[in-house]
């Protein structure tokens, strides 16, 4: 069989309707949400249906939603594909937790616990501070880095938090610094500047101090090596041990997500097919330009059947 990878999206732009359509066709998705709701002690799907779009107060619920959706869709994939397991998995930001859960490196419920712990720590230590996160499209990374450095002062800072493509970078930090950086990026030729529904500054040095508290709580979570190769967010290296997984989760808390390097790592591992598990086509532009990966989706019944057919046909050809 041709080797294939599965990647998971994180927070960002997504369409809950994709999930609701799959819910009607695949009971495994409803069961996964029920399992999560039993742990959370409330109906997470009902909560999302009522509020539908994330804001500062319901940020955690939408993180749960992304994580649970990813796990549910992966379970759907295994069920419908007769347990075809990927050779490699990776995830963007929260998607790294999805990958670790689906790889059996951490338990599903423990993944939800980690998000809850993380949210509680951030809220207690970053109380009454305003943060913004934006995607900058059409401007090279070195220019954005210089702008962030120029804008950042003693108390107001902005950082690069995710490097998605050569011309798509996420910045985050104190609200006033981010707004100022956006204006300068626009003057330097940025084509689009898009606000993300994220209200705290992950993957940057603003989280460095509280990462130690996070590390203490993470020690209570059982971590296993897992079933397949996982590529972590910070250095785009394979996680080969329980200690490496633990360190990767901690470092991702305060260091940028280097998605471009992750995609290059997948390509260099002789992977031809990459299945994208998300509630939108968020990552299409992240690697289509390379023409070295065939991008596949399972976010509809037709896409799911088509992807299964492609993977299984290549197994027969071998």
C-alpha atoms as a PDB file:
ATOM      1  CA  UNK A   1       0.000   0.000   0.000  1.00  0.00           C
ATOM      2  CA  UNK A   2       1.173   3.510  -0.750  1.00  0.00           C
ATOM      3  CA  UNK A   3       2.046   5.320   2.440  1.00  0.00           C
ATOM      4  CA  UNK A   4      -0.350   8.055   3.536  1.00  0.00           C
ATOM      5  CA  UNK A   5      -0.510  10.724   6.204  1.00  0.00           C
ATOM      6  CA  UNK A   6      -3.380  12.270   8.144  1.00  0.00           C
ATOM      7  CA  UNK A   7      -3.247  15.875   9.333  1.00  0.00           C
ATOM      8  CA  UNK A   8      -5.579  17.638  11.759  1.00  0.00           C
ATOM      9  CA  UNK A   9      -6.521  21.312  11.794  1.00  0.00           C
ATOM     10  CA  UNK A  10      -6.488  23.579  14.819  1.00  0.00           C
ATOM     11  CA  UNK A  11      -8.417  26.696  15.709  1.00  0.00           C
ATOM     12  CA  UNK A  12      -9.193  29.042  12.879  1.00  0.00           C
ATOM     13  CA  UNK A  13     -11.781  29.357  10.173  1.00  0.00           C
ATOM     14  CA  UNK A  14     -14.205  26.441  10.138  1.00  0.00           C
ATOM     15  CA  UNK A  15     -17.759  25.564   9.201  1.00  0.00           C
ATOM     16  CA  UNK A  16     -19.757  23.604  11.834  1.00  0.00           C
ATOM     17  CA  UNK A  17     -22.315  22.671   9.149  1.00  0.00           C
ATOM     18  CA  UNK A  18     -19.815  20.163   7.756  1.00  0.00           C
ATOM     19  CA  UNK A  19     -19.897  18.312  11.068  1.00  0.00           C
ATOM     20  CA  UNK A  20     -23.684  18.470  11.387  1.00  0.00           C
ATOM     21  CA  UNK A  21     -24.124  16.880   7.947  1.00  0.00           C
ATOM     22  CA  UNK A  22     -21.766  14.032   8.874  1.00  0.00           C
ATOM     23  CA  UNK A  23     -23.638  13.551  12.156  1.00  0.00           C
ATOM     24  CA  UNK A  24     -26.753  12.533  10.222  1.00  0.00           C
ATOM     25  CA  UNK A  25     -24.943   9.816   8.280  1.00  0.00           C
ATOM     26  CA  UNK A  26     -22.381   8.353  10.690  1.00  0.00           C
ATOM     27  CA  UNK A  27     -23.500   7.321  14.233  1.00  0.00           C
ATOM     28  CA  UNK A  28     -19.861   7.047  15.378  1.00  0.00           C
ATOM     29  CA  UNK A  29     -19.655  10.839  15.338  1.00  0.00           C
ATOM     30  CA  UNK A  30     -22.663  11.222  17.613  1.00  0.00           C
ATOM     31  CA  UNK A  31     -21.271   8.558  19.966  1.00  0.00           C
ATOM     32  CA  UNK A  32     -17.942  10.383  20.162  1.00  0.00           C
ATOM     33  CA  UNK A  33     -19.681  13.640  21.087  1.00  0.00           C
ATOM     34  CA  UNK A  34     -21.800  11.795  23.640  1.00  0.00           C
ATOM     35  CA  UNK A  35     -18.659  10.340  25.225  1.00  0.00           C
ATOM     36  CA  UNK A  36     -17.221  13.841  25.521  1.00  0.00           C
ATOM     37  CA  UNK A  37     -20.490  15.314  26.817  1.00  0.00           C
ATOM     38  CA  UNK A  38     -20.678  12.643  29.539  1.00  0.00           C
ATOM     39  CA  UNK A  39     -17.235  13.741  30.740  1.00  0.00           C
ATOM     40  CA  UNK A  40     -17.936  17.480  30.428  1.00  0.00           C
ATOM     41  CA  UNK A  41     -21.318  17.110  32.178  1.00  0.00           C
ATOM     42  CA  UNK A  42     -23.128  19.117  29.504  1.00  0.00           C
ATOM     43  CA  UNK A  43     -24.171  18.661  25.874  1.00  0.00           C
ATOM     44  CA  UNK A  44     -21.282  20.189  23.916  1.00  0.00           C
ATOM     45  CA  UNK A  45     -23.121  19.922  20.571  1.00  0.00           C
ATOM     46  CA  UNK A  46     -26.142  21.755  21.943  1.00  0.00           C
ATOM     47  CA  UNK A  47     -23.826  24.456  23.298  1.00  0.00           C
ATOM     48  CA  UNK A  48     -22.208  24.958  19.882  1.00  0.00           C
ATOM     49  CA  UNK A  49     -25.586  25.004  18.129  1.00  0.00           C
ATOM     50  CA  UNK A  50     -26.795  27.733  20.486  1.00  0.00           C
ATOM     51  CA  UNK A  51     -23.745  29.983  20.176  1.00  0.00           C
ATOM     52  CA  UNK A  52     -22.416  28.826  16.774  1.00  0.00           C
ATOM     53  CA  UNK A  53     -19.419  31.190  16.620  1.00  0.00           C
ATOM     54  CA  UNK A  54     -16.585  31.559  19.153  1.00  0.00           C
ATOM     55  CA  UNK A  55     -16.117  34.553  21.379  1.00  0.00           C
ATOM     56  CA  UNK A  56     -13.984  35.274  24.423  1.00  0.00           C
ATOM     57  CA  UNK A  57     -16.422  33.635  26.847  1.00  0.00           C
ATOM     58  CA  UNK A  58     -16.951  30.387  24.943  1.00  0.00           C
ATOM     59  CA  UNK A  59     -13.373  29.951  23.634  1.00  0.00           C
ATOM     60  CA  UNK A  60     -12.865  26.677  25.521  1.00  0.00           C
ATOM     61  CA  UNK A  61     -16.102  25.153  24.189  1.00  0.00           C
ATOM     62  CA  UNK A  62     -14.973  25.735  20.617  1.00  0.00           C
ATOM     63  CA  UNK A  63     -11.579  24.206  21.381  1.00  0.00           C
ATOM     64  CA  UNK A  64     -13.445  21.152  22.661  1.00  0.00           C
ATOM     65  CA  UNK A  65     -15.544  21.224  19.494  1.00  0.00           C
ATOM     66  CA  UNK A  66     -12.506  21.184  17.183  1.00  0.00           C
ATOM     67  CA  UNK A  67     -10.826  18.393  19.150  1.00  0.00           C
ATOM     68  CA  UNK A  68     -13.946  16.221  19.435  1.00  0.00           C
ATOM     69  CA  UNK A  69     -14.826  16.738  15.764  1.00  0.00           C
ATOM     70  CA  UNK A  70     -11.330  15.656  14.713  1.00  0.00           C
ATOM     71  CA  UNK A  71     -11.410  12.512  16.847  1.00  0.00           C
ATOM     72  CA  UNK A  72     -14.948  11.706  15.659  1.00  0.00           C
ATOM     73  CA  UNK A  73     -13.995  12.081  11.988  1.00  0.00           C
ATOM     74  CA  UNK A  74     -10.898   9.922  12.469  1.00  0.00           C
ATOM     75  CA  UNK A  75     -13.014   7.214  14.087  1.00  0.00           C
ATOM     76  CA  UNK A  76     -15.415   7.531  11.151  1.00  0.00           C
ATOM     77  CA  UNK A  77     -12.456   7.068   8.791  1.00  0.00           C
ATOM     78  CA  UNK A  78     -11.277   3.893  10.550  1.00  0.00           C
ATOM     79  CA  UNK A  79     -14.788   2.461  10.656  1.00  0.00           C
ATOM     80  CA  UNK A  80     -15.551   3.136   6.990  1.00  0.00           C
ATOM     81  CA  UNK A  81     -12.072   2.281   5.631  1.00  0.00           C
ATOM     82  CA  UNK A  82     -11.765  -1.066   7.446  1.00  0.00           C
ATOM     83  CA  UNK A  83      -9.153   0.261   9.864  1.00  0.00           C
ATOM     84  CA  UNK A  84      -6.684   1.768   7.388  1.00  0.00           C
ATOM     85  CA  UNK A  85      -4.218   3.459   9.752  1.00  0.00           C
ATOM     86  CA  UNK A  86      -1.871   6.199   8.494  1.00  0.00           C
ATOM     87  CA  UNK A  87       1.910   5.960   8.463  1.00  0.00           C
ATOM     88  CA  UNK A  88       2.283   9.529   9.726  1.00  0.00           C
ATOM     89  CA  UNK A  89       0.071  11.971  11.635  1.00  0.00           C
ATOM     90  CA  UNK A  90       0.487  15.648  12.405  1.00  0.00           C
ATOM     91  CA  UNK A  91      -1.727  18.421  13.710  1.00  0.00           C
ATOM     92  CA  UNK A  92      -1.709  22.198  13.648  1.00  0.00           C
ATOM     93  CA  UNK A  93      -1.864  23.699  17.167  1.00  0.00           C
ATOM     94  CA  UNK A  94      -4.817  21.972  18.893  1.00  0.00           C
ATOM     95  CA  UNK A  95      -4.622  19.530  16.007  1.00  0.00           C
ATOM     96  CA  UNK A  96      -1.467  18.134  17.616  1.00  0.00           C
ATOM     97  CA  UNK A  97      -3.624  16.938  20.526  1.00  0.00           C
ATOM     98  CA  UNK A  98      -6.033  15.383  18.008  1.00  0.00           C
ATOM     99  CA  UNK A  99      -3.124  13.531  16.389  1.00  0.00           C
ATOM    100  CA  UNK A 100      -1.851  12.277  19.766  1.00  0.00           C
ATOM    101  CA  UNK A 101      -5.320  11.048  20.750  1.00  0.00           C
ATOM    102  CA  UNK A 102      -5.923   9.296  17.427  1.00  0.00           C
ATOM    103  CA  UNK A 103      -2.461   7.715  17.671  1.00  0.00           C
ATOM    104  CA  UNK A 104      -3.345   6.346  21.148  1.00  0.00           C
ATOM    105  CA  UNK A 105      -0.539   8.394  22.719  1.00  0.00           C
ATOM    106  CA  UNK A 106      -3.014  10.061  25.074  1.00  0.00           C
ATOM    107  CA  UNK A 107      -6.581   9.095  25.937  1.00  0.00           C
ATOM    108  CA  UNK A 108      -9.481  11.016  24.410  1.00  0.00           C
ATOM    109  CA  UNK A 109     -10.769  12.209  27.791  1.00  0.00           C
ATOM    110  CA  UNK A 110      -7.249  13.195  28.844  1.00  0.00           C
ATOM    111  CA  UNK A 111      -7.043  15.390  25.731  1.00  0.00           C
ATOM    112  CA  UNK A 112     -10.161  17.231  26.919  1.00  0.00           C
ATOM    113  CA  UNK A 113      -8.622  17.515  30.402  1.00  0.00           C
ATOM    114  CA  UNK A 114      -5.488  19.103  28.934  1.00  0.00           C
ATOM    115  CA  UNK A 115      -7.540  21.757  27.127  1.00  0.00           C
ATOM    116  CA  UNK A 116      -9.460  22.506  30.322  1.00  0.00           C
ATOM    117  CA  UNK A 117      -6.260  22.777  32.380  1.00  0.00           C
ATOM    118  CA  UNK A 118      -4.623  24.974  29.749  1.00  0.00           C
ATOM    119  CA  UNK A 119      -7.620  27.305  29.593  1.00  0.00           C
ATOM    120  CA  UNK A 120      -7.815  27.616  33.399  1.00  0.00           C
ATOM    121  CA  UNK A 121      -4.109  28.473  33.698  1.00  0.00           C
ATOM    122  CA  UNK A 122      -4.249  31.086  30.941  1.00  0.00           C
ATOM    123  CA  UNK A 123      -7.349  32.767  32.368  1.00  0.00           C
ATOM    124  CA  UNK A 124      -5.920  32.905  35.888  1.00  0.00           C
ATOM    125  CA  UNK A 125      -2.534  34.317  34.806  1.00  0.00           C
ATOM    126  CA  UNK A 126      -3.590  36.562  31.926  1.00  0.00           C
ATOM    127  CA  UNK A 127      -6.680  38.094  33.521  1.00  0.00           C
ATOM    128  CA  UNK A 128      -7.924  41.459  32.188  1.00  0.00           C
ATOM    129  CA  UNK A 129      -5.365  41.544  29.353  1.00  0.00           C
ATOM    130  CA  UNK A 130      -6.472  41.849  25.745  1.00  0.00           C
ATOM    131  CA  UNK A 131      -4.947  39.745  22.996  1.00  0.00           C
ATOM    132  CA  UNK A 132      -5.548  39.407  19.264  1.00  0.00           C
ATOM    133  CA  UNK A 133      -4.542  36.875  16.626  1.00  0.00           C
ATOM    134  CA  UNK A 134      -4.453  37.547  12.879  1.00  0.00           C
ATOM    135  CA  UNK A 135      -3.433  35.765   9.696  1.00  0.00           C
ATOM    136  CA  UNK A 136      -1.202  37.843   7.414  1.00  0.00           C
ATOM    137  CA  UNK A 137      -1.416  36.728   3.762  1.00  0.00           C
ATOM    138  CA  UNK A 138       0.823  37.840   0.930  1.00  0.00           C
ATOM    139  CA  UNK A 139       3.850  39.005   2.905  1.00  0.00           C
ATOM    140  CA  UNK A 140       7.117  37.133   3.386  1.00  0.00           C
ATOM    141  CA  UNK A 141       8.045  35.865   6.853  1.00  0.00           C
ATOM    142  CA  UNK A 142      11.313  37.885   7.254  1.00  0.00           C
ATOM    143  CA  UNK A 143       9.393  41.150   6.709  1.00  0.00           C
ATOM    144  CA  UNK A 144       6.721  40.165   9.236  1.00  0.00           C
ATOM    145  CA  UNK A 145       9.364  39.229  11.807  1.00  0.00           C
ATOM    146  CA  UNK A 146      11.030  42.624  11.417  1.00  0.00           C
ATOM    147  CA  UNK A 147       7.667  44.388  11.796  1.00  0.00           C
ATOM    148  CA  UNK A 148       6.869  42.427  14.971  1.00  0.00           C
ATOM    149  CA  UNK A 149      10.279  43.295  16.409  1.00  0.00           C
ATOM    150  CA  UNK A 150       9.861  46.968  15.493  1.00  0.00           C
ATOM    151  CA  UNK A 151       6.387  47.203  17.051  1.00  0.00           C
ATOM    152  CA  UNK A 152       7.157  45.310  20.255  1.00  0.00           C
ATOM    153  CA  UNK A 153       7.986  47.424  23.269  1.00  0.00           C
ATOM    154  CA  UNK A 154       8.513  46.727  26.966  1.00  0.00           C
ATOM    155  CA  UNK A 155       4.853  46.018  27.798  1.00  0.00           C
ATOM    156  CA  UNK A 156       3.163  45.632  24.396  1.00  0.00           C
ATOM    157  CA  UNK A 157       4.459  42.787  22.266  1.00  0.00           C
ATOM    158  CA  UNK A 158       3.527  40.940  19.081  1.00  0.00           C
ATOM    159  CA  UNK A 159       4.991  37.662  17.837  1.00  0.00           C
ATOM    160  CA  UNK A 160       4.872  35.267  14.917  1.00  0.00           C
ATOM    161  CA  UNK A 161       2.907  32.270  16.249  1.00  0.00           C
ATOM    162  CA  UNK A 162       2.317  30.061  13.193  1.00  0.00           C
ATOM    163  CA  UNK A 163       4.199  29.766   9.911  1.00  0.00           C
ATOM    164  CA  UNK A 164       1.603  28.170   7.639  1.00  0.00           C
ATOM    165  CA  UNK A 165       3.123  28.820   4.191  1.00  0.00           C
ATOM    166  CA  UNK A 166       5.773  31.051   2.654  1.00  0.00           C
ATOM    167  CA  UNK A 167       3.170  33.816   2.371  1.00  0.00           C
ATOM    168  CA  UNK A 168       0.720  32.952   5.171  1.00  0.00           C
ATOM    169  CA  UNK A 169       1.803  33.763   8.711  1.00  0.00           C
ATOM    170  CA  UNK A 170      -0.118  34.109  11.969  1.00  0.00           C
ATOM    171  CA  UNK A 171       0.794  36.855  14.448  1.00  0.00           C
ATOM    172  CA  UNK A 172      -0.427  37.211  18.000  1.00  0.00           C
ATOM    173  CA  UNK A 173       0.109  39.352  21.088  1.00  0.00           C
ATOM    174  CA  UNK A 174      -1.184  42.370  22.975  1.00  0.00           C
ATOM    175  CA  UNK A 175      -4.092  43.970  21.117  1.00  0.00           C
ATOM    176  CA  UNK A 176      -2.552  47.403  20.478  1.00  0.00           C
ATOM    177  CA  UNK A 177       0.731  45.909  19.267  1.00  0.00           C
ATOM    178  CA  UNK A 178      -1.052  43.503  16.918  1.00  0.00           C
ATOM    179  CA  UNK A 179      -3.218  46.281  15.457  1.00  0.00           C
ATOM    180  CA  UNK A 180      -0.134  48.444  14.862  1.00  0.00           C
ATOM    181  CA  UNK A 181       1.699  45.512  13.233  1.00  0.00           C
ATOM    182  CA  UNK A 182      -1.307  44.863  10.974  1.00  0.00           C
ATOM    183  CA  UNK A 183      -1.232  48.427   9.684  1.00  0.00           C
ATOM    184  CA  UNK A 184       2.469  48.243   8.899  1.00  0.00           C
ATOM    185  CA  UNK A 185       2.058  44.852   7.203  1.00  0.00           C
ATOM    186  CA  UNK A 186      -0.650  46.354   5.028  1.00  0.00           C
ATOM    187  CA  UNK A 187       1.665  49.213   4.012  1.00  0.00           C
ATOM    188  CA  UNK A 188       4.361  46.706   3.095  1.00  0.00           C
ATOM    189  CA  UNK A 189       2.087  44.806   0.719  1.00  0.00           C
ATOM    190  CA  UNK A 190       0.055  42.276   2.715  1.00  0.00           C
ATOM    191  CA  UNK A 191      -2.880  41.222   0.519  1.00  0.00           C
ATOM    192  CA  UNK A 192      -5.207  40.049   3.276  1.00  0.00           C
ATOM    193  CA  UNK A 193      -5.258  40.417   7.063  1.00  0.00           C
ATOM    194  CA  UNK A 194      -7.825  38.135   8.713  1.00  0.00           C
ATOM    195  CA  UNK A 195      -8.811  38.101  12.361  1.00  0.00           C
ATOM    196  CA  UNK A 196      -8.973  34.636  13.928  1.00  0.00           C
ATOM    197  CA  UNK A 197     -11.499  33.827  16.690  1.00  0.00           C
ATOM    198  CA  UNK A 198      -8.722  33.285  19.240  1.00  0.00           C
ATOM    199  CA  UNK A 199      -8.623  35.475  22.343  1.00  0.00           C
ATOM    200  CA  UNK A 200      -5.330  34.556  23.988  1.00  0.00           C
ATOM    201  CA  UNK A 201      -1.806  34.414  22.607  1.00  0.00           C
ATOM    202  CA  UNK A 202      -0.661  30.838  22.110  1.00  0.00           C
ATOM    203  CA  UNK A 203       2.610  29.671  20.557  1.00  0.00           C
ATOM    204  CA  UNK A 204       4.611  32.706  21.641  1.00  0.00           C
ATOM    205  CA  UNK A 205       6.859  33.878  24.476  1.00  0.00           C
ATOM    206  CA  UNK A 206       3.927  35.459  26.337  1.00  0.00           C
ATOM    207  CA  UNK A 207       3.159  31.883  27.444  1.00  0.00           C
ATOM    208  CA  UNK A 208       6.722  30.983  28.508  1.00  0.00           C
ATOM    209  CA  UNK A 209       6.335  31.687  32.245  1.00  0.00           C
ATOM    210  CA  UNK A 210       3.035  29.878  32.666  1.00  0.00           C
ATOM    211  CA  UNK A 211       4.273  26.886  30.638  1.00  0.00           C
ATOM    212  CA  UNK A 212       5.932  25.687  33.860  1.00  0.00           C
ATOM    213  CA  UNK A 213       2.539  25.507  35.577  1.00  0.00           C
ATOM    214  CA  UNK A 214       1.149  23.713  32.545  1.00  0.00           C
ATOM    215  CA  UNK A 215       4.087  21.281  32.692  1.00  0.00           C
ATOM    216  CA  UNK A 216       3.287  20.419  36.325  1.00  0.00           C
ATOM    217  CA  UNK A 217      -0.310  19.473  35.462  1.00  0.00           C
ATOM    218  CA  UNK A 218       0.707  17.619  32.300  1.00  0.00           C
ATOM    219  CA  UNK A 219       2.843  15.281  34.430  1.00  0.00           C
ATOM    220  CA  UNK A 220      -0.419  13.829  35.753  1.00  0.00           C
ATOM    221  CA  UNK A 221      -1.532  12.765  32.255  1.00  0.00           C
ATOM    222  CA  UNK A 222      -0.562   9.281  31.068  1.00  0.00           C
ATOM    223  CA  UNK A 223       1.391   9.419  27.802  1.00  0.00           C
ATOM    224  CA  UNK A 224       2.213   6.452  25.541  1.00  0.00           C
ATOM    225  CA  UNK A 225       4.448   6.186  22.479  1.00  0.00           C
ATOM    226  CA  UNK A 226       1.510   5.401  20.186  1.00  0.00           C
ATOM    227  CA  UNK A 227       0.940   3.464  16.982  1.00  0.00           C
ATOM    228  CA  UNK A 228       2.435   5.532  14.127  1.00  0.00           C
ATOM    229  CA  UNK A 229       4.893   8.386  13.591  1.00  0.00           C
ATOM    230  CA  UNK A 230       3.809  11.824  14.854  1.00  0.00           C
ATOM    231  CA  UNK A 231       5.435  15.039  13.637  1.00  0.00           C
ATOM    232  CA  UNK A 232       5.539  17.732  16.318  1.00  0.00           C
ATOM    233  CA  UNK A 233       4.853  21.447  15.801  1.00  0.00           C
ATOM    234  CA  UNK A 234       8.036  23.225  16.859  1.00  0.00           C
ATOM    235  CA  UNK A 235      10.919  21.491  15.052  1.00  0.00           C
ATOM    236  CA  UNK A 236       8.870  19.265  12.728  1.00  0.00           C
ATOM    237  CA  UNK A 237      10.692  16.211  14.078  1.00  0.00           C
ATOM    238  CA  UNK A 238       9.257  12.751  14.733  1.00  0.00           C
ATOM    239  CA  UNK A 239       8.180  12.011  18.291  1.00  0.00           C
ATOM    240  CA  UNK A 240       9.890   8.741  19.169  1.00  0.00           C
ATOM    241  CA  UNK A 241       9.299   8.438  22.914  1.00  0.00           C
ATOM    242  CA  UNK A 242       6.939   9.383  25.726  1.00  0.00           C
ATOM    243  CA  UNK A 243       9.385  12.033  26.948  1.00  0.00           C
ATOM    244  CA  UNK A 244       9.579  13.603  23.485  1.00  0.00           C
ATOM    245  CA  UNK A 245       5.767  13.770  23.330  1.00  0.00           C
ATOM    246  CA  UNK A 246       5.666  15.426  26.746  1.00  0.00           C
ATOM    247  CA  UNK A 247       8.297  17.997  25.731  1.00  0.00           C
ATOM    248  CA  UNK A 248       6.547  18.678  22.419  1.00  0.00           C
ATOM    249  CA  UNK A 249       3.276  19.530  24.180  1.00  0.00           C
ATOM    250  CA  UNK A 250       5.085  21.924  26.540  1.00  0.00           C
ATOM    251  CA  UNK A 251       7.158  23.644  23.859  1.00  0.00           C
ATOM    252  CA  UNK A 252       4.160  24.104  21.582  1.00  0.00           C
ATOM    253  CA  UNK A 253       2.648  26.178  24.380  1.00  0.00           C
ATOM    254  CA  UNK A 254       5.150  29.015  23.876  1.00  0.00           C
ATOM    255  CA  UNK A 255       6.935  28.405  20.535  1.00  0.00           C
ATOM    256  CA  UNK A 256       5.656  28.982  16.975  1.00  0.00           C
ATOM    257  CA  UNK A 257       3.966  26.257  14.946  1.00  0.00           C
ATOM    258  CA  UNK A 258       6.191  25.591  11.918  1.00  0.00           C
ATOM    259  CA  UNK A 259       3.637  24.089   9.581  1.00  0.00           C
ATOM    260  CA  UNK A 260       5.724  24.595   6.432  1.00  0.00           C
ATOM    261  CA  UNK A 261       8.439  22.381   7.912  1.00  0.00           C
ATOM    262  CA  UNK A 262       5.860  19.742   8.858  1.00  0.00           C
ATOM    263  CA  UNK A 263       4.609  19.539   5.278  1.00  0.00           C
ATOM    264  CA  UNK A 264       8.203  19.257   3.993  1.00  0.00           C
ATOM    265  CA  UNK A 265       8.827  16.488   6.524  1.00  0.00           C
ATOM    266  CA  UNK A 266       5.794  14.572   5.261  1.00  0.00           C
ATOM    267  CA  UNK A 267       6.970  14.934   1.645  1.00  0.00           C
ATOM    268  CA  UNK A 268      10.539  13.865   2.501  1.00  0.00           C
ATOM    269  CA  UNK A 269       9.095  10.712   4.125  1.00  0.00           C
ATOM    270  CA  UNK A 270       7.950   9.521   0.675  1.00  0.00           C
ATOM    271  CA  UNK A 271       4.300  10.199   1.458  1.00  0.00           C
ATOM    272  CA  UNK A 272       2.118  10.618  -1.621  1.00  0.00           C
ATOM    273  CA  UNK A 273      -1.348  10.986  -0.085  1.00  0.00           C
ATOM    274  CA  UNK A 274      -2.336  13.358   2.718  1.00  0.00           C
ATOM    275  CA  UNK A 275      -5.810  13.130   4.251  1.00  0.00           C
ATOM    276  CA  UNK A 276      -6.940  16.417   5.731  1.00  0.00           C
ATOM    277  CA  UNK A 277      -9.299  16.092   8.726  1.00  0.00           C
ATOM    278  CA  UNK A 278     -10.966  19.435   9.335  1.00  0.00           C
ATOM    279  CA  UNK A 279     -14.236  21.341   9.137  1.00  0.00           C
ATOM    280  CA  UNK A 280     -13.044  23.434   6.231  1.00  0.00           C
ATOM    281  CA  UNK A 281     -10.330  23.313   3.581  1.00  0.00           C
ATOM    282  CA  UNK A 282      -8.012  25.311   5.821  1.00  0.00           C
ATOM    283  CA  UNK A 283      -4.755  23.702   4.784  1.00  0.00           C
ATOM    284  CA  UNK A 284      -5.208  23.266   1.028  1.00  0.00           C
ATOM    285  CA  UNK A 285      -2.954  26.184   0.176  1.00  0.00           C
ATOM    286  CA  UNK A 286      -0.357  24.963   2.662  1.00  0.00           C
ATOM    287  CA  UNK A 287       0.996  22.347   0.320  1.00  0.00           C
ATOM    288  CA  UNK A 288      -0.882  22.256  -2.991  1.00  0.00           C
ATOM    289  CA  UNK A 289       1.763  24.512  -4.494  1.00  0.00           C
ATOM    290  CA  UNK A 290       4.394  21.781  -4.013  1.00  0.00           C
ATOM    291  CA  UNK A 291       2.482  19.367  -6.300  1.00  0.00           C
ATOM    292  CA  UNK A 292       4.195  16.566  -4.400  1.00  0.00           C
ATOM    293  CA  UNK A 293       1.270  15.628  -2.168  1.00  0.00           C
ATOM    294  CA  UNK A 294      -2.157  14.507  -3.282  1.00  0.00           C
ATOM    295  CA  UNK A 295      -4.565  16.272  -0.940  1.00  0.00           C
ATOM    296  CA  UNK A 296      -7.589  14.224   0.136  1.00  0.00           C
ATOM    297  CA  UNK A 297     -10.584  15.082   2.312  1.00  0.00           C
ATOM    298  CA  UNK A 298     -13.215  13.176   4.286  1.00  0.00           C
ATOM    299  CA  UNK A 299     -15.459  16.086   5.283  1.00  0.00           C
ATOM    300  CA  UNK A 300     -18.434  14.829   3.256  1.00  0.00           C
ATOM    301  CA  UNK A 301     -19.819  11.393   2.359  1.00  0.00           C
ATOM    302  CA  UNK A 302     -18.653  11.730  -1.247  1.00  0.00           C
ATOM    303  CA  UNK A 303     -15.153  12.849  -0.258  1.00  0.00           C
ATOM    304  CA  UNK A 304     -14.905  10.048   2.301  1.00  0.00           C
ATOM    305  CA  UNK A 305     -15.873   7.322  -0.205  1.00  0.00           C
ATOM    306  CA  UNK A 306     -13.567   8.775  -2.838  1.00  0.00           C
ATOM    307  CA  UNK A 307     -10.615   8.909  -0.429  1.00  0.00           C
ATOM    308  CA  UNK A 308     -11.180   5.329   0.750  1.00  0.00           C
ATOM    309  CA  UNK A 309     -11.319   4.200  -2.871  1.00  0.00           C
ATOM    310  CA  UNK A 310      -8.043   5.981  -3.732  1.00  0.00           C
ATOM    311  CA  UNK A 311      -6.149   4.541  -0.756  1.00  0.00           C
ATOM    312  CA  UNK A 312      -7.485   0.994  -1.255  1.00  0.00           C
ATOM    313  CA  UNK A 313      -6.857   0.999  -5.007  1.00  0.00           C
ATOM    314  CA  UNK A 314      -3.244   1.896  -4.412  1.00  0.00           C
ATOM    315  CA  UNK A 315      -3.008  -0.997  -1.988  1.00  0.00           C
ATOM    316  CA  UNK A 316      -4.099  -3.355  -4.791  1.00  0.00           C
ATOM    317  CA  UNK A 317      -1.648  -1.856  -7.285  1.00  0.00           C
ATOM    318  CA  UNK A 318       1.356  -2.490  -5.080  1.00  0.00           C
END
